[in-house]
Amino acid sequence: MSESVSKLYEITKRLLVATKDITPKNRSEKMIEVENLLLERENVFPQLKENFTREEKKLGREIIKMNDELQIKIEKMKVMVQKDLLSVKKTQAYSKNYRNPYNQKTVDGVFYDKRQ
C-alpha cells in the first residue's frame, strides 16, 4: 500500500478528531489545529500516484466519506465565526450610538428633487 494514501487517511482522521467538540472557548485553538492539518494534507496530495490497489481504493472511499463529514463540520465552524463577527459589529454600532446619541442620521424630512 502506498505511504501517501495511508498518510492522507491518517491526516483526515486527525482532522475529524480536531473538529469534534468545538466550543467558543477552544475554537481559536481548534481552528489553528485544523488549518495546520489542512496545510499538511494539501502537501500530501501531489504525492499521490495513479494505479491504486484495492486497499488504497477502499481507503480512498473512506477518505471521501470522512471528507464529506469534515466539510459539514468546517462549514459549522464558519457559521459560528460569522455569527460572532456579526455580534461584534452590532455591539460596536450600539456602543457608538450610546456614546454619541445625537450623531444618528435620519431619513425623516429628506427632500429629493427630481429636476435638474
Protein backbone atom coordinates (compact mmCIF):
# COMPACT_ATOMS: atom_id res chain seq x y z
CA MET A 1 0.00 0.00 0.00
CA SER A 2 1.19 3.49 -0.83
CA GLU A 3 2.51 5.54 2.06
CA SER A 4 0.89 8.73 0.74
CA VAL A 5 -2.63 7.22 0.75
CA SER A 6 -2.25 5.95 4.32
CA LYS A 7 -0.77 9.32 5.36
CA LEU A 8 -3.72 11.12 3.77
CA TYR A 9 -6.09 8.80 5.62
CA GLU A 10 -4.40 9.47 8.96
CA ILE A 11 -4.40 13.23 8.48
CA THR A 12 -8.09 13.19 7.52
CA LYS A 13 -8.83 11.10 10.61
CA ARG A 14 -6.95 13.62 12.77
CA LEU A 15 -8.94 16.44 11.14
CA LEU A 16 -12.18 14.74 12.13
CA VAL A 17 -10.97 14.46 15.71
CA ALA A 18 -9.83 18.09 15.70
CA THR A 19 -13.25 19.33 14.55
CA LYS A 20 -15.03 17.39 17.27
CA ASP A 21 -16.37 19.17 20.37
CA ILE A 22 -15.68 22.76 19.34
CA THR A 23 -16.80 25.32 21.89
CA PRO A 24 -16.48 29.11 21.79
CA LYS A 25 -13.69 28.85 24.38
CA ASN A 26 -11.48 26.42 22.46
CA ARG A 27 -12.49 27.44 18.93
CA SER A 28 -9.42 29.53 18.12
CA GLU A 29 -7.02 26.73 19.13
CA LYS A 30 -9.07 24.21 17.17
CA MET A 31 -9.11 26.47 14.12
CA ILE A 32 -5.32 26.77 14.20
CA GLU A 33 -5.01 23.00 14.54
CA VAL A 34 -7.43 22.41 11.65
CA GLU A 35 -5.61 24.93 9.48
CA ASN A 36 -2.25 23.24 10.12
CA LEU A 37 -3.69 19.81 9.37
CA LEU A 38 -5.28 21.09 6.16
CA LEU A 39 -1.93 22.51 5.05
CA GLU A 40 -0.25 19.21 5.88
CA ARG A 41 -2.91 17.32 3.93
CA GLU A 42 -2.54 19.70 0.99
CA ASN A 43 1.14 18.80 0.79
CA VAL A 44 0.30 15.07 0.59
CA PHE A 45 -1.99 15.37 -2.46
CA PRO A 46 0.81 15.90 -5.02
CA GLN A 47 2.50 12.73 -3.75
CA LEU A 48 -0.48 10.57 -4.74
CA LYS A 49 0.06 8.42 -7.79
CA GLU A 50 -2.46 6.68 -10.01
CA ASN A 51 -2.97 2.91 -10.33
CA PHE A 52 -4.27 2.35 -6.82
CA THR A 53 -4.53 -1.12 -5.29
CA ARG A 54 -7.79 -2.46 -3.87
CA GLU A 55 -6.80 -1.49 -0.35
CA GLU A 56 -5.91 2.02 -1.48
CA LYS A 57 -9.24 2.35 -3.28
CA LYS A 58 -11.04 1.20 -0.13
CA LEU A 59 -9.11 3.77 1.93
CA GLY A 60 -9.93 6.37 -0.72
CA ARG A 61 -13.66 5.71 -0.35
CA GLU A 62 -13.35 6.08 3.42
CA ILE A 63 -11.38 9.31 2.96
CA ILE A 64 -14.17 10.66 0.75
CA LYS A 65 -16.79 9.81 3.41
CA MET A 66 -14.68 11.43 6.12
CA ASN A 67 -14.12 14.45 3.89
CA ASP A 68 -17.87 14.93 3.46
CA GLU A 69 -18.27 14.89 7.25
CA LEU A 70 -15.34 17.25 7.57
CA GLN A 71 -16.83 19.77 5.15
CA ILE A 72 -20.03 19.89 7.21
CA LYS A 73 -18.10 20.46 10.43
CA ILE A 74 -15.90 23.17 8.90
CA GLU A 75 -19.00 24.88 7.49
CA LYS A 76 -20.47 24.89 11.03
CA MET A 77 -17.26 26.48 12.33
CA LYS A 78 -17.52 29.12 9.62
CA VAL A 79 -21.13 29.90 10.57
CA MET A 80 -20.13 30.21 14.25
CA VAL A 81 -17.40 32.71 13.36
CA GLN A 82 -19.74 34.68 11.10
CA LYS A 83 -22.32 34.93 13.91
CA ASP A 84 -19.65 36.16 16.30
CA LEU A 85 -18.44 38.78 13.80
CA LEU A 86 -21.98 39.98 13.26
CA SER A 87 -22.49 40.18 17.01
CA VAL A 88 -19.31 42.23 17.42
CA LYS A 89 -20.37 44.62 14.65
CA LYS A 90 -23.77 45.12 16.26
CA THR A 91 -22.17 45.74 19.65
CA GLN A 92 -19.84 48.32 18.12
CA ALA A 93 -22.75 50.08 16.45
CA TYR A 94 -24.77 50.12 19.68
CA SER A 95 -21.85 51.44 21.71
CA LYS A 96 -21.19 54.15 19.11
CA ASN A 97 -24.84 55.26 19.29
CA TYR A 98 -24.71 55.16 23.08
CA ARG A 99 -21.62 57.36 23.23
CA ASN A 100 -22.99 59.92 20.78
CA PRO A 101 -26.79 59.65 20.51
CA TYR A 102 -27.21 62.90 18.54
CA ASN A 103 -24.98 61.85 15.67
CA GLN A 104 -27.50 59.44 14.20
CA LYS A 105 -28.52 60.01 10.62
CA THR A 106 -32.24 60.15 9.99
CA VAL A 107 -34.10 59.96 6.71
CA ASP A 108 -37.03 61.94 8.11
CA GLY A 109 -37.87 65.04 6.08
CA VAL A 110 -35.35 64.40 3.34
CA PHE A 111 -36.35 66.16 0.14
CA TYR A 112 -35.36 64.60 -3.17
CA ASP A 113 -35.64 66.90 -6.16
CA LYS A 114 -36.00 65.09 -9.45
CA ARG A 115 -35.47 68.25 -11.50
CA GLN A 116 -32.02 69.19 -12.64
